[in-house]
Amino acid sequence: MLKLRFYPNSRGVWVGELLGDATRLLATTHPATIAAAIFAMDQYKLCVETDMGSFEMAFPFEMGEGEPLGELMQDEQMREWMRLFSTFSRFDFARPLPYDTKADVHFRVAVHHLPPELVKVRPSERELKDFKQQLTKRNQFIYYPWC
């Protein structure tokens, strides 16, 4: 089962660290990239762990899980990270809404960084011409794998 843990970076911003079994898969400060990675792996559950405890949640997030997840949050910043992650967990990254200009980038960045054998859902359209530039920009927020 996938596991989501947190640690603060040097500026005190929470980094979400996604693990499969005991293997570190992806670490980033942006919850949409973590959500896109889970979507790409076609997974439907994960265990969220903080210093306050752990909780097995559905992916996408189910409204009834808000209270147990809220009890695990260590501060308002982590609470906001999880609120955004819960929202992003409901996105269809393979077919984003027309006005959503960022979902495809998060999806492609996640697929780029995940081990290929774990990716079950891939972008169906060709890579955008400026993806390499967008990847370079998004990599500023990726802590693992080291870019």
C-alpha atoms as a PDB file:
ATOM      1  CA  MET A   1       0.000   0.000   0.000  1.00  0.00           C
ATOM      2  CA  LEU A   2       1.155   3.521  -0.732  1.00  0.00           C
ATOM      3  CA  LYS A   3       2.182   5.691   2.182  1.00  0.00           C
ATOM      4  CA  LEU A   4       2.231   9.497   2.419  1.00  0.00           C
ATOM      5  CA  ARG A   5       4.521  11.001   5.040  1.00  0.00           C
ATOM      6  CA  PHE A   6       5.622  14.558   5.718  1.00  0.00           C
ATOM      7  CA  TYR A   7       8.787  16.352   6.669  1.00  0.00           C
ATOM      8  CA  PRO A   8       9.657  20.062   6.716  1.00  0.00           C
ATOM      9  CA  ASN A   9      12.154  21.498   4.230  1.00  0.00           C
ATOM     10  CA  SER A  10      14.793  24.055   5.266  1.00  0.00           C
ATOM     11  CA  ARG A  11      12.180  26.847   5.117  1.00  0.00           C
ATOM     12  CA  GLY A  12       9.685  24.930   7.233  1.00  0.00           C
ATOM     13  CA  VAL A  13       7.404  24.077   4.290  1.00  0.00           C
ATOM     14  CA  TRP A  14       5.882  20.598   4.399  1.00  0.00           C
ATOM     15  CA  VAL A  15       7.182  18.132   1.832  1.00  0.00           C
ATOM     16  CA  GLY A  16       4.885  15.237   1.009  1.00  0.00           C
ATOM     17  CA  GLU A  17       6.830  12.011   0.603  1.00  0.00           C
ATOM     18  CA  LEU A  18       5.148   9.172  -1.273  1.00  0.00           C
ATOM     19  CA  LEU A  19       6.379   5.652  -0.591  1.00  0.00           C
ATOM     20  CA  GLY A  20       5.473   2.308  -2.115  1.00  0.00           C
ATOM     21  CA  ASP A  21       6.223  -0.465   0.347  1.00  0.00           C
ATOM     22  CA  ALA A  22       9.445   0.913   1.844  1.00  0.00           C
ATOM     23  CA  THR A  23      10.639   2.502  -1.402  1.00  0.00           C
ATOM     24  CA  ARG A  24      10.661   6.273  -1.737  1.00  0.00           C
ATOM     25  CA  LEU A  25       8.864   7.168  -4.979  1.00  0.00           C
ATOM     26  CA  LEU A  26       8.387  10.932  -4.982  1.00  0.00           C
ATOM     27  CA  ALA A  27       8.756  13.858  -2.599  1.00  0.00           C
ATOM     28  CA  THR A  28       7.440  17.336  -3.354  1.00  0.00           C
ATOM     29  CA  THR A  29       5.941  20.404  -1.761  1.00  0.00           C
ATOM     30  CA  HIS A  30       3.061  20.416  -4.238  1.00  0.00           C
ATOM     31  CA  PRO A  31       0.099  18.171  -3.365  1.00  0.00           C
ATOM     32  CA  ALA A  32      -1.155  18.079  -6.991  1.00  0.00           C
ATOM     33  CA  THR A  33       2.006  16.280  -8.127  1.00  0.00           C
ATOM     34  CA  ILE A  34       1.570  13.633  -5.417  1.00  0.00           C
ATOM     35  CA  ALA A  35      -2.113  13.231  -6.374  1.00  0.00           C
ATOM     36  CA  ALA A  36      -1.135  12.932 -10.049  1.00  0.00           C
ATOM     37  CA  ALA A  37       1.432  10.246  -9.170  1.00  0.00           C
ATOM     38  CA  ILE A  38      -1.152   8.164  -7.314  1.00  0.00           C
ATOM     39  CA  PHE A  39      -3.543   8.624 -10.249  1.00  0.00           C
ATOM     40  CA  ALA A  40      -0.805   7.505 -12.672  1.00  0.00           C
ATOM     41  CA  MET A  41      -0.193   4.368 -10.602  1.00  0.00           C
ATOM     42  CA  ASP A  42      -3.954   3.648 -10.632  1.00  0.00           C
ATOM     43  CA  GLN A  43      -4.067   3.241  -6.856  1.00  0.00           C
ATOM     44  CA  TYR A  44      -7.184   3.682  -4.724  1.00  0.00           C
ATOM     45  CA  LYS A  45      -5.880   3.702  -1.142  1.00  0.00           C
ATOM     46  CA  LEU A  46      -3.006   5.150   0.787  1.00  0.00           C
ATOM     47  CA  CYS A  47      -1.902   5.445   4.364  1.00  0.00           C
ATOM     48  CA  VAL A  48      -1.303   9.005   5.576  1.00  0.00           C
ATOM     49  CA  GLU A  49       1.261   9.182   8.395  1.00  0.00           C
ATOM     50  CA  THR A  50       2.239  12.139  10.554  1.00  0.00           C
ATOM     51  CA  ASP A  51       3.758  12.481  14.022  1.00  0.00           C
ATOM     52  CA  MET A  52       0.143  12.489  15.283  1.00  0.00           C
ATOM     53  CA  GLY A  53      -0.684   9.013  13.928  1.00  0.00           C
ATOM     54  CA  SER A  54      -1.826   7.323  10.733  1.00  0.00           C
ATOM     55  CA  PHE A  55      -5.004   6.853   8.733  1.00  0.00           C
ATOM     56  CA  GLU A  56      -5.830   4.712   5.696  1.00  0.00           C
ATOM     57  CA  MET A  57      -7.735   6.891   3.246  1.00  0.00           C
ATOM     58  CA  ALA A  58      -9.491   6.271  -0.026  1.00  0.00           C
ATOM     59  CA  PHE A  59      -8.159   7.800  -3.218  1.00  0.00           C
ATOM     60  CA  PRO A  60     -10.011   9.822  -4.347  1.00  0.00           C
ATOM     61  CA  PHE A  61     -10.744  11.357  -0.970  1.00  0.00           C
ATOM     62  CA  GLU A  62     -14.167  10.635   0.530  1.00  0.00           C
ATOM     63  CA  MET A  63     -15.884  13.382   2.518  1.00  0.00           C
ATOM     64  CA  GLY A  64     -16.375  11.208   5.611  1.00  0.00           C
ATOM     65  CA  GLU A  65     -12.599  10.944   6.012  1.00  0.00           C
ATOM     66  CA  GLY A  66     -12.114  14.637   6.765  1.00  0.00           C
ATOM     67  CA  GLU A  67     -12.313  14.431  10.544  1.00  0.00           C
ATOM     68  CA  PRO A  68      -9.888  11.504  11.026  1.00  0.00           C
ATOM     69  CA  LEU A  69      -7.419  13.115   8.618  1.00  0.00           C
ATOM     70  CA  GLY A  70      -7.809  16.487  10.325  1.00  0.00           C
ATOM     71  CA  GLU A  71      -6.798  14.939  13.640  1.00  0.00           C
ATOM     72  CA  LEU A  72      -3.452  13.921  12.098  1.00  0.00           C
ATOM     73  CA  MET A  73      -2.503  17.411  10.931  1.00  0.00           C
ATOM     74  CA  GLN A  74       0.291  18.997  12.927  1.00  0.00           C
ATOM     75  CA  ASP A  75      -0.388  22.615  11.984  1.00  0.00           C
ATOM     76  CA  GLU A  76      -2.418  24.843   9.662  1.00  0.00           C
ATOM     77  CA  GLN A  77       0.109  24.558   6.843  1.00  0.00           C
ATOM     78  CA  MET A  78      -0.114  20.748   6.849  1.00  0.00           C
ATOM     79  CA  ARG A  79      -3.898  21.015   7.081  1.00  0.00           C
ATOM     80  CA  GLU A  80      -3.921  23.215   3.962  1.00  0.00           C
ATOM     81  CA  TRP A  81      -1.569  20.783   2.154  1.00  0.00           C
ATOM     82  CA  MET A  82      -3.979  17.910   2.870  1.00  0.00           C
ATOM     83  CA  ARG A  83      -7.030  20.019   1.947  1.00  0.00           C
ATOM     84  CA  LEU A  84      -5.484  20.695  -1.457  1.00  0.00           C
ATOM     85  CA  PHE A  85      -4.370  17.084  -1.845  1.00  0.00           C
ATOM     86  CA  SER A  86      -7.913  15.899  -1.079  1.00  0.00           C
ATOM     87  CA  THR A  87      -9.252  18.227  -3.769  1.00  0.00           C
ATOM     88  CA  PHE A  88      -6.620  17.150  -6.308  1.00  0.00           C
ATOM     89  CA  SER A  89      -7.340  13.481  -5.546  1.00  0.00           C
ATOM     90  CA  ARG A  90     -10.657  13.926  -7.372  1.00  0.00           C
ATOM     91  CA  PHE A  91      -9.070  15.208 -10.594  1.00  0.00           C
ATOM     92  CA  ASP A  92      -9.026  13.131 -13.740  1.00  0.00           C
ATOM     93  CA  PHE A  93      -5.459  14.007 -14.706  1.00  0.00           C
ATOM     94  CA  ALA A  94      -5.750  12.085 -17.990  1.00  0.00           C
ATOM     95  CA  ARG A  95      -8.680  14.261 -19.095  1.00  0.00           C
ATOM     96  CA  PRO A  96      -8.444  17.583 -17.246  1.00  0.00           C
ATOM     97  CA  LEU A  97     -11.152  20.184 -17.532  1.00  0.00           C
ATOM     98  CA  PRO A  98     -10.526  22.642 -20.399  1.00  0.00           C
ATOM     99  CA  TYR A  99      -9.826  25.577 -18.078  1.00  0.00           C
ATOM    100  CA  ASP A 100      -7.336  23.625 -15.949  1.00  0.00           C
ATOM    101  CA  THR A 101      -3.954  24.576 -17.382  1.00  0.00           C
ATOM    102  CA  LYS A 102      -1.833  22.915 -14.663  1.00  0.00           C
ATOM    103  CA  ALA A 103      -3.224  19.375 -14.248  1.00  0.00           C
ATOM    104  CA  ASP A 104      -1.475  18.063 -17.364  1.00  0.00           C
ATOM    105  CA  VAL A 105       1.872  19.458 -16.200  1.00  0.00           C
ATOM    106  CA  HIS A 106       1.558  17.843 -12.741  1.00  0.00           C
ATOM    107  CA  PHE A 107       0.540  14.559 -14.383  1.00  0.00           C
ATOM    108  CA  ARG A 108       3.469  14.583 -16.812  1.00  0.00           C
ATOM    109  CA  VAL A 109       5.947  15.561 -14.078  1.00  0.00           C
ATOM    110  CA  ALA A 110       4.713  12.717 -11.872  1.00  0.00           C
ATOM    111  CA  VAL A 111       4.915  10.176 -14.716  1.00  0.00           C
ATOM    112  CA  HIS A 112       8.391  11.466 -15.622  1.00  0.00           C
ATOM    113  CA  HIS A 113       9.699  10.875 -12.080  1.00  0.00           C
ATOM    114  CA  LEU A 114       7.971   7.601 -11.200  1.00  0.00           C
ATOM    115  CA  PRO A 115       9.619   4.266 -11.972  1.00  0.00           C
ATOM    116  CA  PRO A 116       8.159   3.266 -15.382  1.00  0.00           C
ATOM    117  CA  GLU A 117       6.987  -0.138 -14.170  1.00  0.00           C
ATOM    118  CA  LEU A 118       4.664   1.521 -11.631  1.00  0.00           C
ATOM    119  CA  VAL A 119       2.912   3.794 -14.122  1.00  0.00           C
ATOM    120  CA  LYS A 120      -0.401   2.305 -15.261  1.00  0.00           C
ATOM    121  CA  VAL A 121      -2.055   5.460 -16.648  1.00  0.00           C
ATOM    122  CA  ARG A 122      -0.088   7.713 -18.985  1.00  0.00           C
ATOM    123  CA  PRO A 123      -0.886  10.950 -20.786  1.00  0.00           C
ATOM    124  CA  SER A 124      -2.637  10.052 -24.033  1.00  0.00           C
ATOM    125  CA  GLU A 125      -1.766  13.210 -25.931  1.00  0.00           C
ATOM    126  CA  ARG A 126       1.656  14.162 -27.194  1.00  0.00           C
ATOM    127  CA  GLU A 127       3.972  16.091 -24.942  1.00  0.00           C
ATOM    128  CA  LEU A 128       3.655  19.839 -25.194  1.00  0.00           C
ATOM    129  CA  LYS A 129       6.534  21.619 -26.922  1.00  0.00           C
ATOM    130  CA  ASP A 130       7.463  23.542 -23.803  1.00  0.00           C
ATOM    131  CA  PHE A 131       7.255  20.560 -21.424  1.00  0.00           C
ATOM    132  CA  LYS A 132      11.022  20.480 -20.808  1.00  0.00           C
ATOM    133  CA  GLN A 133      10.859  24.098 -19.633  1.00  0.00           C
ATOM    134  CA  GLN A 134       7.826  23.346 -17.488  1.00  0.00           C
ATOM    135  CA  LEU A 135       9.585  20.289 -16.050  1.00  0.00           C
ATOM    136  CA  THR A 136      12.611  22.393 -15.136  1.00  0.00           C
ATOM    137  CA  LYS A 137      10.321  24.870 -13.379  1.00  0.00           C
ATOM    138  CA  ARG A 138       8.356  22.153 -11.524  1.00  0.00           C
ATOM    139  CA  ASN A 139      11.581  20.376 -10.511  1.00  0.00           C
ATOM    140  CA  GLN A 140      12.272  23.284  -8.146  1.00  0.00           C
ATOM    141  CA  PHE A 141       9.570  21.750  -5.938  1.00  0.00           C
ATOM    142  CA  ILE A 142      10.666  18.105  -6.299  1.00  0.00           C
ATOM    143  CA  TYR A 143      12.814  16.792  -3.463  1.00  0.00           C
ATOM    144  CA  TYR A 144      13.009  13.223  -4.693  1.00  0.00           C
ATOM    145  CA  PRO A 145      14.148  11.971  -7.069  1.00  0.00           C
ATOM    146  CA  TRP A 146      16.913  14.524  -7.025  1.00  0.00           C
ATOM    147  CA  CYS A 147      16.886  16.454 -10.274  1.00  0.00           C
END
